[in-house]
Amino acid sequence: MLCVNPLTGRRGGAASTNADAGTLVPSEDFSDGTIRPHAVSARCDLRGFLLIGTVASLPPMGNYVLPGNNYHVYDYALFWANIRADAARRLAAYRGR
């Protein structure tokens, strides 16, 4: 499997919470959210899985964390600002061709 670290936009590797531009933390009723920078670290393991920091270090994301502390439901929210910045960078590069 191929793992792209959403904090760096690159294949493989690790990134600390310093690389997290902002996690979208939902309100209790999911009607709104706040951006919390430096909340999540991430690394790609040798099997190609993306692993995030310890549960104790994560902001409260809501009631949809799956069994075994699986945060798959929050894939985009955990890396919200980094994914947006990466998309903008890629679009600018494409338009500059």
N, C-alpha and C. Protein backbone atom coordinates (compact mmCIF):
# COMPACT_ATOMS: atom_id res chain seq x y z
N MET A 1 0.84 -1.18 0.00
CA MET A 1 0.00 0.00 0.00
C MET A 1 0.88 1.24 0.00
N LEU A 2 0.30 2.29 -0.46
CA LEU A 2 0.97 3.58 -0.52
C LEU A 2 0.39 4.49 0.55
N CYS A 3 1.24 5.14 1.31
CA CYS A 3 0.79 6.06 2.35
C CYS A 3 1.34 7.45 2.05
N VAL A 4 0.45 8.42 1.98
CA VAL A 4 0.84 9.82 1.85
C VAL A 4 0.52 10.49 3.18
N ASN A 5 1.52 11.12 3.75
CA ASN A 5 1.32 11.81 5.03
C ASN A 5 0.62 13.13 4.74
N PRO A 6 -0.60 13.32 5.21
CA PRO A 6 -1.34 14.54 4.91
C PRO A 6 -0.74 15.80 5.54
N LEU A 7 0.13 15.64 6.51
CA LEU A 7 0.78 16.81 7.11
C LEU A 7 1.90 17.34 6.23
N THR A 8 2.48 16.48 5.42
CA THR A 8 3.58 16.91 4.56
C THR A 8 3.20 16.90 3.08
N GLY A 9 2.16 16.14 2.72
CA GLY A 9 1.78 16.00 1.32
C GLY A 9 2.72 15.10 0.55
N ARG A 10 3.56 14.38 1.26
CA ARG A 10 4.56 13.51 0.62
C ARG A 10 4.33 12.06 1.01
N ARG A 11 4.85 11.19 0.17
CA ARG A 11 4.74 9.76 0.43
C ARG A 11 5.67 9.38 1.58
N GLY A 12 5.11 8.63 2.52
CA GLY A 12 5.90 8.12 3.65
C GLY A 12 6.29 9.21 4.64
N GLY A 13 7.10 8.80 5.58
CA GLY A 13 7.65 9.73 6.54
C GLY A 13 6.76 10.02 7.73
N ALA A 14 7.28 10.88 8.57
CA ALA A 14 6.60 11.26 9.80
C ALA A 14 6.61 12.77 9.93
N ALA A 15 5.64 13.28 10.67
CA ALA A 15 5.56 14.72 10.94
C ALA A 15 5.01 14.91 12.34
N SER A 16 5.61 15.83 13.06
CA SER A 16 5.16 16.12 14.43
C SER A 16 3.97 17.07 14.40
N THR A 17 3.44 17.35 15.56
CA THR A 17 2.32 18.28 15.66
C THR A 17 2.69 19.67 15.15
N ASN A 18 3.98 20.00 15.12
CA ASN A 18 4.41 21.29 14.60
C ASN A 18 4.03 21.47 13.14
N ALA A 19 3.88 20.38 12.41
CA ALA A 19 3.52 20.43 10.98
C ALA A 19 2.02 20.55 10.77
N ASP A 20 1.23 20.39 11.84
CA ASP A 20 -0.23 20.42 11.72
C ASP A 20 -0.70 21.87 11.67
N ALA A 21 -1.15 22.31 10.49
CA ALA A 21 -1.62 23.68 10.32
C ALA A 21 -2.99 23.89 10.95
N GLY A 22 -3.73 22.82 11.16
CA GLY A 22 -5.01 22.96 11.83
C GLY A 22 -5.93 21.77 11.65
N THR A 23 -6.40 21.27 12.77
CA THR A 23 -7.39 20.20 12.82
C THR A 23 -8.75 20.86 12.99
N LEU A 24 -9.75 20.41 12.23
CA LEU A 24 -11.11 20.92 12.38
C LEU A 24 -11.79 20.12 13.47
N VAL A 25 -11.95 20.73 14.64
CA VAL A 25 -12.58 20.07 15.78
C VAL A 25 -14.06 20.43 15.76
N PRO A 26 -14.93 19.43 15.58
CA PRO A 26 -16.36 19.73 15.46
C PRO A 26 -16.99 20.12 16.79
N SER A 27 -18.04 20.93 16.69
CA SER A 27 -18.84 21.22 17.88
C SER A 27 -19.59 19.96 18.27
N GLU A 28 -20.16 19.97 19.44
CA GLU A 28 -20.83 18.76 19.95
C GLU A 28 -21.94 18.27 19.02
N ASP A 29 -22.66 19.19 18.39
CA ASP A 29 -23.75 18.79 17.50
C ASP A 29 -23.33 18.75 16.02
N PHE A 30 -22.04 18.94 15.76
CA PHE A 30 -21.47 18.88 14.41
C PHE A 30 -22.01 19.97 13.49
N SER A 31 -22.56 21.04 14.04
CA SER A 31 -23.06 22.13 13.22
C SER A 31 -22.00 23.17 12.92
N ASP A 32 -20.87 23.10 13.62
CA ASP A 32 -19.80 24.08 13.48
C ASP A 32 -18.51 23.41 13.93
N GLY A 33 -17.45 24.13 13.85
CA GLY A 33 -16.18 23.60 14.32
C GLY A 33 -15.16 24.71 14.49
N THR A 34 -14.07 24.39 15.14
CA THR A 34 -12.97 25.33 15.31
C THR A 34 -11.69 24.70 14.79
N ILE A 35 -10.82 25.55 14.29
CA ILE A 35 -9.52 25.08 13.80
C ILE A 35 -8.53 25.10 14.96
N ARG A 36 -7.92 23.98 15.20
CA ARG A 36 -6.93 23.88 16.29
C ARG A 36 -5.59 23.45 15.69
N PRO A 37 -4.64 24.36 15.59
CA PRO A 37 -3.33 24.01 15.04
C PRO A 37 -2.50 23.18 16.02
N HIS A 38 -1.57 22.46 15.48
CA HIS A 38 -0.59 21.68 16.25
C HIS A 38 -1.24 20.64 17.17
N ALA A 39 -2.31 20.00 16.66
CA ALA A 39 -3.04 19.03 17.47
C ALA A 39 -2.69 17.58 17.15
N VAL A 40 -2.28 17.30 15.91
CA VAL A 40 -2.12 15.91 15.46
C VAL A 40 -0.74 15.69 14.85
N SER A 41 -0.13 14.59 15.20
CA SER A 41 1.08 14.14 14.51
C SER A 41 0.69 12.94 13.66
N ALA A 42 1.49 12.63 12.65
CA ALA A 42 1.16 11.49 11.78
C ALA A 42 2.43 10.89 11.20
N ARG A 43 2.36 9.57 11.00
CA ARG A 43 3.49 8.89 10.36
C ARG A 43 2.97 7.71 9.55
N CYS A 44 3.69 7.41 8.50
CA CYS A 44 3.38 6.24 7.68
C CYS A 44 4.21 5.08 8.20
N ASP A 45 3.57 3.95 8.46
CA ASP A 45 4.34 2.79 8.93
C ASP A 45 4.81 1.95 7.73
N LEU A 46 5.56 0.92 8.00
CA LEU A 46 6.14 0.10 6.94
C LEU A 46 5.10 -0.67 6.13
N ARG A 47 3.91 -0.85 6.69
CA ARG A 47 2.84 -1.56 5.98
C ARG A 47 2.05 -0.64 5.05
N GLY A 48 2.28 0.67 5.15
CA GLY A 48 1.56 1.62 4.33
C GLY A 48 0.36 2.23 5.02
N PHE A 49 0.25 2.04 6.33
CA PHE A 49 -0.85 2.63 7.09
C PHE A 49 -0.43 3.98 7.65
N LEU A 50 -1.37 4.91 7.70
CA LEU A 50 -1.13 6.19 8.34
C LEU A 50 -1.52 6.06 9.80
N LEU A 51 -0.60 6.38 10.68
CA LEU A 51 -0.83 6.31 12.13
C LEU A 51 -0.78 7.73 12.69
N ILE A 52 -1.70 8.03 13.60
CA ILE A 52 -1.72 9.34 14.22
C ILE A 52 -1.18 9.25 15.63
N GLY A 53 -0.96 10.42 16.24
CA GLY A 53 -0.41 10.45 17.59
C GLY A 53 -1.29 9.75 18.60
N THR A 54 -0.88 9.79 19.83
CA THR A 54 -1.61 9.09 20.89
C THR A 54 -2.98 9.71 21.10
N VAL A 55 -3.92 8.89 21.51
CA VAL A 55 -5.28 9.34 21.75
C VAL A 55 -5.30 10.45 22.80
N ALA A 56 -4.46 10.34 23.80
CA ALA A 56 -4.43 11.35 24.86
C ALA A 56 -4.04 12.72 24.32
N SER A 57 -3.28 12.77 23.23
CA SER A 57 -2.82 14.05 22.69
C SER A 57 -3.81 14.65 21.69
N LEU A 58 -4.83 13.89 21.27
CA LEU A 58 -5.77 14.38 20.27
C LEU A 58 -6.87 15.23 20.90
N PRO A 59 -7.37 16.21 20.15
CA PRO A 59 -8.51 16.97 20.68
C PRO A 59 -9.76 16.09 20.66
N PRO A 60 -10.76 16.42 21.46
CA PRO A 60 -12.00 15.63 21.43
C PRO A 60 -12.70 15.83 20.09
N MET A 61 -12.88 14.74 19.34
CA MET A 61 -13.42 14.84 17.99
C MET A 61 -14.91 14.50 17.90
N GLY A 62 -15.48 13.93 18.92
CA GLY A 62 -16.89 13.59 18.86
C GLY A 62 -17.14 12.12 19.12
N ASN A 63 -18.36 11.73 18.91
CA ASN A 63 -18.81 10.38 19.28
C ASN A 63 -18.66 9.34 18.19
N TYR A 64 -17.97 9.65 17.12
CA TYR A 64 -17.91 8.71 16.01
C TYR A 64 -16.55 8.04 15.86
N VAL A 65 -15.75 8.07 16.90
CA VAL A 65 -14.49 7.32 16.88
C VAL A 65 -14.87 5.84 16.91
N LEU A 66 -14.33 5.09 15.99
CA LEU A 66 -14.68 3.67 15.87
C LEU A 66 -13.94 2.83 16.91
N PRO A 67 -14.39 1.61 17.15
CA PRO A 67 -13.71 0.74 18.13
C PRO A 67 -12.22 0.63 17.84
N GLY A 68 -11.45 0.53 18.90
CA GLY A 68 -10.00 0.44 18.78
C GLY A 68 -9.35 1.79 18.53
N ASN A 69 -10.05 2.88 18.89
CA ASN A 69 -9.55 4.24 18.66
C ASN A 69 -9.25 4.48 17.18
N ASN A 70 -10.14 4.04 16.33
CA ASN A 70 -10.03 4.22 14.89
C ASN A 70 -10.70 5.55 14.52
N TYR A 71 -9.89 6.50 14.04
CA TYR A 71 -10.36 7.84 13.71
C TYR A 71 -10.65 8.01 12.22
N HIS A 72 -10.89 6.91 11.50
CA HIS A 72 -11.10 6.95 10.06
C HIS A 72 -12.23 7.90 9.66
N VAL A 73 -13.25 8.02 10.46
CA VAL A 73 -14.38 8.91 10.17
C VAL A 73 -13.89 10.36 10.06
N TYR A 74 -12.81 10.68 10.73
CA TYR A 74 -12.30 12.06 10.79
C TYR A 74 -11.09 12.29 9.90
N ASP A 75 -10.92 11.47 8.87
CA ASP A 75 -9.74 11.60 8.00
C ASP A 75 -9.48 13.04 7.55
N TYR A 76 -10.49 13.69 7.01
CA TYR A 76 -10.30 15.05 6.52
C TYR A 76 -10.22 16.05 7.67
N ALA A 77 -11.06 15.91 8.67
CA ALA A 77 -11.07 16.86 9.77
C ALA A 77 -9.74 16.90 10.52
N LEU A 78 -9.12 15.76 10.71
CA LEU A 78 -7.85 15.72 11.44
C LEU A 78 -6.75 16.53 10.74
N PHE A 79 -6.82 16.60 9.43
CA PHE A 79 -5.76 17.25 8.65
C PHE A 79 -6.31 18.39 7.79
N TRP A 80 -7.38 19.00 8.25
CA TRP A 80 -8.15 19.97 7.49
C TRP A 80 -7.31 21.06 6.83
N ALA A 81 -6.58 21.83 7.61
CA ALA A 81 -5.83 22.97 7.07
C ALA A 81 -4.70 22.51 6.15
N ASN A 82 -4.04 21.40 6.46
CA ASN A 82 -2.97 20.91 5.60
C ASN A 82 -3.50 20.44 4.25
N ILE A 83 -4.63 19.75 4.26
CA ILE A 83 -5.22 19.28 3.00
C ILE A 83 -5.65 20.47 2.14
N ARG A 84 -6.25 21.47 2.76
CA ARG A 84 -6.66 22.67 2.01
C ARG A 84 -5.45 23.38 1.41
N ALA A 85 -4.39 23.53 2.19
CA ALA A 85 -3.19 24.19 1.69
C ALA A 85 -2.54 23.38 0.57
N ASP A 86 -2.53 22.07 0.70
CA ASP A 86 -1.94 21.22 -0.34
C ASP A 86 -2.76 21.31 -1.63
N ALA A 87 -4.08 21.31 -1.51
CA ALA A 87 -4.93 21.45 -2.70
C ALA A 87 -4.70 22.79 -3.39
N ALA A 88 -4.59 23.86 -2.61
CA ALA A 88 -4.33 25.19 -3.19
C ALA A 88 -2.97 25.23 -3.87
N ARG A 89 -1.97 24.62 -3.26
CA ARG A 89 -0.62 24.59 -3.85
C ARG A 89 -0.64 23.82 -5.17
N ARG A 90 -1.31 22.68 -5.18
CA ARG A 90 -1.38 21.87 -6.40
C ARG A 90 -2.16 22.59 -7.51
N LEU A 91 -3.23 23.27 -7.16
CA LEU A 91 -4.01 24.02 -8.15
C LEU A 91 -3.18 25.16 -8.73
N ALA A 92 -2.46 25.86 -7.87
CA ALA A 92 -1.60 26.96 -8.35
C ALA A 92 -0.52 26.42 -9.29
N ALA A 93 0.04 25.28 -8.97
CA ALA A 93 1.07 24.67 -9.83
C ALA A 93 0.46 24.27 -11.17
N TYR A 94 -0.74 23.71 -11.13
CA TYR A 94 -1.42 23.30 -12.37
C TYR A 94 -1.73 24.53 -13.24
N ARG A 95 -2.24 25.58 -12.63
CA ARG A 95 -2.57 26.79 -13.39
C ARG A 95 -1.34 27.47 -13.93
N GLY A 96 -0.20 27.27 -13.28
CA GLY A 96 1.04 27.90 -13.73
C GLY A 96 1.71 27.21 -14.90
N ARG A 97 1.14 26.10 -15.35
CA ARG A 97 1.74 25.34 -16.47
C ARG A 97 1.63 26.08 -17.76
